[in-house]
Amino acid sequence: MRVFAKLTLTELKLFLREPISAFFVLLFPALLVVILGSIPSFREPSDDLGGARVIDLYVGIAVALTLAMVAIQVTPAVLATYRERGVLRRLATTPVSPLKLLSAQLAMFGLAAIVSTALVLAVGRLAFDVRLADNFAAFVLAFLLTAAGTLAIGIFVAAVVPSGKAGNSVGTILFFPLMFFAGLWTPREVMPEVLQKIADFTPLGAGERALNEAMTGSWPSLLSATVLVGYVAVFGFLAVRSFRWS
């Protein structure tokens, strides 16, 4: 455990030394809530949203954004770079195995996602009176399912790309359509019905729906939970089968 803790701390320091990545993962989602919440119409109840406000929805979307940046954009680039530079191969000859490094990476990114999510919720509550999750246990479950589903995809990308730059490129290509279906540009709740149905089967669309359901006091729907577990199972299996340490 001491080795794992030291590895996690080291990975955290390396992450914080990359100011652009640290800013977008830790601070940008909360900043997005501030920007959108500053639009007067977004703070008014909307009949199209069943009486909810746009800013109420964007708190959950910002949480999904945090997980997308961590899992889809940052994780593939970092892990692929470590493999490309031979870090994982060299660690294989030491007591600090590549698996421990991978676990430390996931722990560090998990901590970053939790901090970012806490900031988003705090800003939403304190600045714009967005209600905290009525069902906190359901929110934690939705958060973990969404994090696991997106991380499984991110690790699979890291497993198959040849370099860190390729990992960053593929992650960016995936990021934008996935966040579209999560409602970053237009809340999923006001999308045409066909797009909503498609979104329900995407990892971040299902994740945003599960998070929003928890915010309103419900447990994630069976569809959302099943879709997210499916992504974990399929891409987790593919990642394990295809991941290369060197």
Protein backbone atom coordinates (compact mmCIF):
# COMPACT_ATOMS: atom_id res chain seq x y z
CA MET A 1 0.00 0.00 0.00
CA ARG A 2 2.92 2.37 0.70
CA VAL A 3 4.24 1.78 -2.82
CA PHE A 4 0.79 2.35 -4.29
CA ALA A 5 0.34 5.57 -2.29
CA LYS A 6 3.74 6.89 -3.41
CA LEU A 7 2.99 6.04 -7.03
CA THR A 8 -0.38 7.79 -6.83
CA LEU A 9 1.21 10.88 -5.25
CA THR A 10 3.91 10.93 -7.94
CA GLU A 11 1.34 10.64 -10.72
CA LEU A 12 -0.66 13.45 -9.11
CA LYS A 13 2.41 15.70 -9.07
CA LEU A 14 3.12 14.92 -12.72
CA PHE A 15 -0.49 15.68 -13.60
CA LEU A 16 -0.42 19.04 -11.80
CA ARG A 17 2.76 19.97 -13.65
CA GLU A 18 0.70 19.98 -16.85
CA PRO A 19 -1.25 23.21 -16.25
CA ILE A 20 -3.49 22.94 -19.31
CA SER A 21 -4.68 19.41 -18.50
CA ALA A 22 -5.06 20.26 -14.82
CA PHE A 23 -7.09 23.38 -15.62
CA PHE A 24 -9.50 21.64 -17.97
CA VAL A 25 -10.02 18.64 -15.69
CA LEU A 26 -10.18 20.42 -12.33
CA LEU A 27 -11.51 23.90 -13.01
CA PHE A 28 -13.10 24.18 -16.45
CA PRO A 29 -16.33 22.25 -15.65
CA ALA A 30 -17.02 24.55 -12.68
CA LEU A 31 -16.12 27.59 -14.80
CA LEU A 32 -18.58 26.39 -17.45
CA VAL A 33 -21.33 26.29 -14.81
CA VAL A 34 -20.45 29.87 -13.81
CA ILE A 35 -20.57 31.08 -17.42
CA LEU A 36 -23.86 29.37 -18.25
CA GLY A 37 -25.41 30.28 -14.93
CA SER A 38 -24.66 33.94 -15.64
CA ILE A 39 -27.15 33.86 -18.54
CA PRO A 40 -30.43 35.15 -17.04
CA SER A 41 -32.69 32.93 -19.15
CA PHE A 42 -30.81 29.84 -17.99
CA ARG A 43 -31.85 30.62 -14.41
CA GLU A 44 -35.54 30.75 -15.24
CA PRO A 45 -37.86 27.71 -15.09
CA SER A 46 -38.65 26.32 -18.54
CA ASP A 47 -41.86 24.63 -19.58
CA ASP A 48 -39.88 22.59 -22.13
CA LEU A 49 -37.92 21.10 -19.23
CA GLY A 50 -40.89 20.35 -17.04
CA GLY A 51 -40.34 23.40 -14.87
CA ALA A 52 -36.62 22.81 -14.38
CA ARG A 53 -33.99 25.40 -15.25
CA VAL A 54 -31.30 24.99 -17.89
CA ILE A 55 -28.59 25.53 -15.29
CA ASP A 56 -30.02 22.65 -13.23
CA LEU A 57 -29.34 20.32 -16.16
CA TYR A 58 -25.90 21.70 -16.87
CA VAL A 59 -24.58 20.75 -13.45
CA GLY A 60 -25.04 17.08 -14.35
CA ILE A 61 -23.66 17.72 -17.84
CA ALA A 62 -20.58 19.37 -16.31
CA VAL A 63 -19.98 16.26 -14.20
CA ALA A 64 -20.18 14.14 -17.36
CA LEU A 65 -17.76 16.58 -19.00
CA THR A 66 -15.27 16.03 -16.17
CA LEU A 67 -15.38 12.26 -16.61
CA ALA A 68 -15.11 12.58 -20.40
CA MET A 69 -11.97 14.70 -20.20
CA VAL A 70 -10.35 12.40 -17.65
CA ALA A 71 -11.24 9.11 -19.32
CA ILE A 72 -11.44 9.87 -23.03
CA GLN A 73 -8.86 12.61 -23.56
CA VAL A 74 -6.21 12.41 -20.82
CA THR A 75 -5.98 8.71 -19.92
CA PRO A 76 -5.28 7.32 -23.45
CA ALA A 77 -2.58 9.92 -24.13
CA VAL A 78 -0.78 9.34 -20.81
CA LEU A 79 -0.84 5.54 -20.87
CA ALA A 80 0.12 5.33 -24.54
CA THR A 81 3.00 7.76 -23.92
CA TYR A 82 4.28 5.63 -21.03
CA ARG A 83 4.24 2.56 -23.25
CA GLU A 84 5.80 4.43 -26.18
CA ARG A 85 8.69 5.70 -24.03
CA GLY A 86 9.34 2.31 -22.48
CA VAL A 87 8.29 3.29 -18.97
CA LEU A 88 6.02 0.28 -18.58
CA ARG A 89 8.63 -2.11 -19.96
CA ARG A 90 11.29 -0.87 -17.53
CA LEU A 91 8.90 -1.06 -14.60
CA ALA A 92 8.23 -4.70 -15.43
CA THR A 93 11.76 -5.50 -14.18
CA THR A 94 11.20 -3.82 -10.80
CA PRO A 95 8.94 -4.54 -7.81
CA VAL A 96 6.80 -1.63 -9.05
CA SER A 97 4.89 -3.54 -11.69
CA PRO A 98 3.14 -1.88 -14.65
CA LEU A 99 -0.17 -2.98 -13.13
CA LYS A 100 0.58 -0.94 -10.01
CA LEU A 101 1.37 2.08 -12.15
CA LEU A 102 -1.89 1.63 -14.06
CA SER A 103 -3.79 1.36 -10.76
CA ALA A 104 -2.07 4.51 -9.47
CA GLN A 105 -3.02 6.32 -12.68
CA LEU A 106 -6.66 5.34 -12.29
CA ALA A 107 -6.64 6.33 -8.61
CA MET A 108 -5.13 9.72 -9.41
CA PHE A 109 -7.63 10.43 -12.17
CA GLY A 110 -10.42 9.25 -9.89
CA LEU A 111 -9.34 11.75 -7.23
CA ALA A 112 -9.16 14.51 -9.84
CA ALA A 113 -12.66 13.69 -11.06
CA ILE A 114 -14.03 13.71 -7.51
CA VAL A 115 -12.45 17.11 -6.78
CA SER A 116 -13.78 18.56 -10.03
CA THR A 117 -17.25 17.15 -9.38
CA ALA A 118 -17.27 18.59 -5.86
CA LEU A 119 -16.39 22.02 -7.28
CA VAL A 120 -19.16 21.77 -9.87
CA LEU A 121 -21.75 20.85 -7.25
CA ALA A 122 -20.54 23.55 -4.86
CA VAL A 123 -20.62 26.27 -7.52
CA GLY A 124 -24.04 25.17 -8.72
CA ARG A 125 -25.44 25.17 -5.20
CA LEU A 126 -23.82 28.32 -3.81
CA ALA A 127 -23.96 30.52 -6.90
CA PHE A 128 -27.17 29.42 -8.62
CA ASP A 129 -29.15 27.53 -5.96
CA VAL A 130 -29.01 24.25 -7.86
CA ARG A 131 -30.30 21.52 -5.58
CA LEU A 132 -27.86 18.86 -4.54
CA ALA A 133 -28.75 15.30 -5.43
CA ASP A 134 -31.97 14.33 -3.72
CA ASN A 135 -30.70 10.73 -3.74
CA PHE A 136 -27.00 10.93 -2.88
CA ALA A 137 -26.48 7.15 -2.98
CA ALA A 138 -27.98 7.06 -6.48
CA PHE A 139 -25.72 9.95 -7.53
CA VAL A 140 -22.63 8.07 -6.31
CA LEU A 141 -23.78 4.96 -8.17
CA ALA A 142 -24.39 6.95 -11.38
CA PHE A 143 -21.01 8.66 -11.02
CA LEU A 144 -19.18 5.34 -10.55
CA LEU A 145 -20.99 3.65 -13.44
CA THR A 146 -20.29 6.57 -15.78
CA ALA A 147 -16.65 6.75 -14.67
CA ALA A 148 -16.17 3.01 -15.15
CA GLY A 149 -17.82 2.98 -18.57
CA THR A 150 -15.80 5.90 -19.92
CA LEU A 151 -12.53 4.70 -18.39
CA ALA A 152 -13.01 1.29 -20.01
CA ILE A 153 -13.23 3.04 -23.38
CA GLY A 154 -10.21 5.22 -22.58
CA ILE A 155 -8.02 2.29 -21.56
CA PHE A 156 -9.08 0.39 -24.68
CA VAL A 157 -8.01 3.35 -26.82
CA ALA A 158 -4.69 3.43 -24.96
CA ALA A 159 -4.30 -0.28 -25.65
CA VAL A 160 -4.65 -0.04 -29.41
CA VAL A 161 -3.07 3.30 -30.38
CA PRO A 162 0.63 3.30 -31.34
CA SER A 163 1.67 6.50 -29.57
CA GLY A 164 0.71 9.19 -27.08
CA LYS A 165 -0.10 11.66 -29.88
CA ALA A 166 -2.38 9.10 -31.48
CA GLY A 167 -4.06 8.51 -28.14
CA ASN A 168 -4.69 12.23 -27.78
CA SER A 169 -6.04 12.47 -31.34
CA VAL A 170 -8.38 9.50 -31.04
CA GLY A 171 -9.55 10.71 -27.65
CA THR A 172 -10.37 14.14 -29.08
CA ILE A 173 -12.24 12.60 -32.03
CA LEU A 174 -14.38 10.56 -29.62
CA PHE A 175 -14.82 13.37 -27.12
CA PHE A 176 -16.94 15.74 -29.20
CA PRO A 177 -19.67 13.36 -30.44
CA LEU A 178 -19.89 11.71 -27.02
CA MET A 179 -20.31 15.09 -25.31
CA PHE A 180 -22.88 16.12 -27.94
CA PHE A 181 -25.07 13.21 -26.88
CA ALA A 182 -24.43 14.10 -23.23
CA GLY A 183 -26.03 17.48 -23.96
CA LEU A 184 -23.03 19.81 -23.80
CA TRP A 185 -24.29 21.98 -26.68
CA THR A 186 -28.00 21.24 -26.41
CA PRO A 187 -29.43 19.53 -23.29
CA ARG A 188 -30.45 15.99 -24.11
CA GLU A 189 -33.91 16.66 -22.69
CA VAL A 190 -34.75 19.09 -25.52
CA MET A 191 -33.22 17.07 -28.34
CA PRO A 192 -35.50 15.47 -30.96
CA GLU A 193 -36.80 12.12 -29.81
CA VAL A 194 -34.62 10.14 -32.21
CA LEU A 195 -31.46 11.82 -30.87
CA GLN A 196 -32.58 11.18 -27.31
CA LYS A 197 -32.95 7.49 -28.09
CA ILE A 198 -29.47 7.40 -29.65
CA ALA A 199 -28.06 9.30 -26.66
CA ASP A 200 -29.50 6.74 -24.25
CA PHE A 201 -27.17 4.13 -25.77
CA THR A 202 -23.99 6.22 -25.64
CA PRO A 203 -21.81 6.10 -22.50
CA LEU A 204 -22.04 9.80 -21.68
CA GLY A 205 -25.65 10.14 -22.77
CA ALA A 206 -26.61 7.26 -20.48
CA GLY A 207 -24.35 8.67 -17.78
CA GLU A 208 -25.85 12.17 -17.96
CA ARG A 209 -29.33 10.69 -17.79
CA ALA A 210 -28.39 8.60 -14.74
CA LEU A 211 -26.81 11.62 -13.02
CA ASN A 212 -29.85 13.78 -13.74
CA GLU A 213 -32.18 11.10 -12.42
CA ALA A 214 -30.18 10.99 -9.20
CA MET A 215 -30.26 14.79 -8.93
CA THR A 216 -34.06 14.63 -9.00
CA GLY A 217 -34.27 11.85 -6.41
CA SER A 218 -34.54 8.72 -8.56
CA TRP A 219 -32.23 5.78 -9.03
CA PRO A 220 -30.61 5.39 -12.46
CA SER A 221 -33.05 3.80 -14.85
CA LEU A 222 -32.59 0.17 -15.81
CA LEU A 223 -31.71 1.23 -19.35
CA SER A 224 -28.99 3.67 -18.25
CA ALA A 225 -27.47 1.22 -15.78
CA THR A 226 -27.54 -1.64 -18.30
CA VAL A 227 -25.91 0.47 -21.03
CA LEU A 228 -23.12 1.63 -18.70
CA VAL A 229 -22.46 -1.86 -17.36
CA GLY A 230 -22.38 -3.07 -20.95
CA TYR A 231 -19.66 -0.56 -21.84
CA VAL A 232 -17.66 -1.62 -18.79
CA ALA A 233 -17.96 -5.29 -19.68
CA VAL A 234 -17.27 -5.01 -23.42
CA PHE A 235 -14.52 -2.41 -23.46
CA GLY A 236 -13.01 -3.63 -20.21
CA PHE A 237 -12.67 -7.10 -21.71
CA LEU A 238 -11.22 -5.73 -24.94
CA ALA A 239 -8.79 -3.51 -23.04
CA VAL A 240 -7.52 -6.40 -20.92
CA ARG A 241 -7.11 -8.63 -23.96
CA SER A 242 -5.33 -6.04 -26.11
CA PHE A 243 -3.33 -3.93 -23.64
CA ARG A 244 0.42 -4.10 -24.21
CA TRP A 245 3.04 -3.14 -21.65
CA SER A 246 5.70 -2.64 -24.33
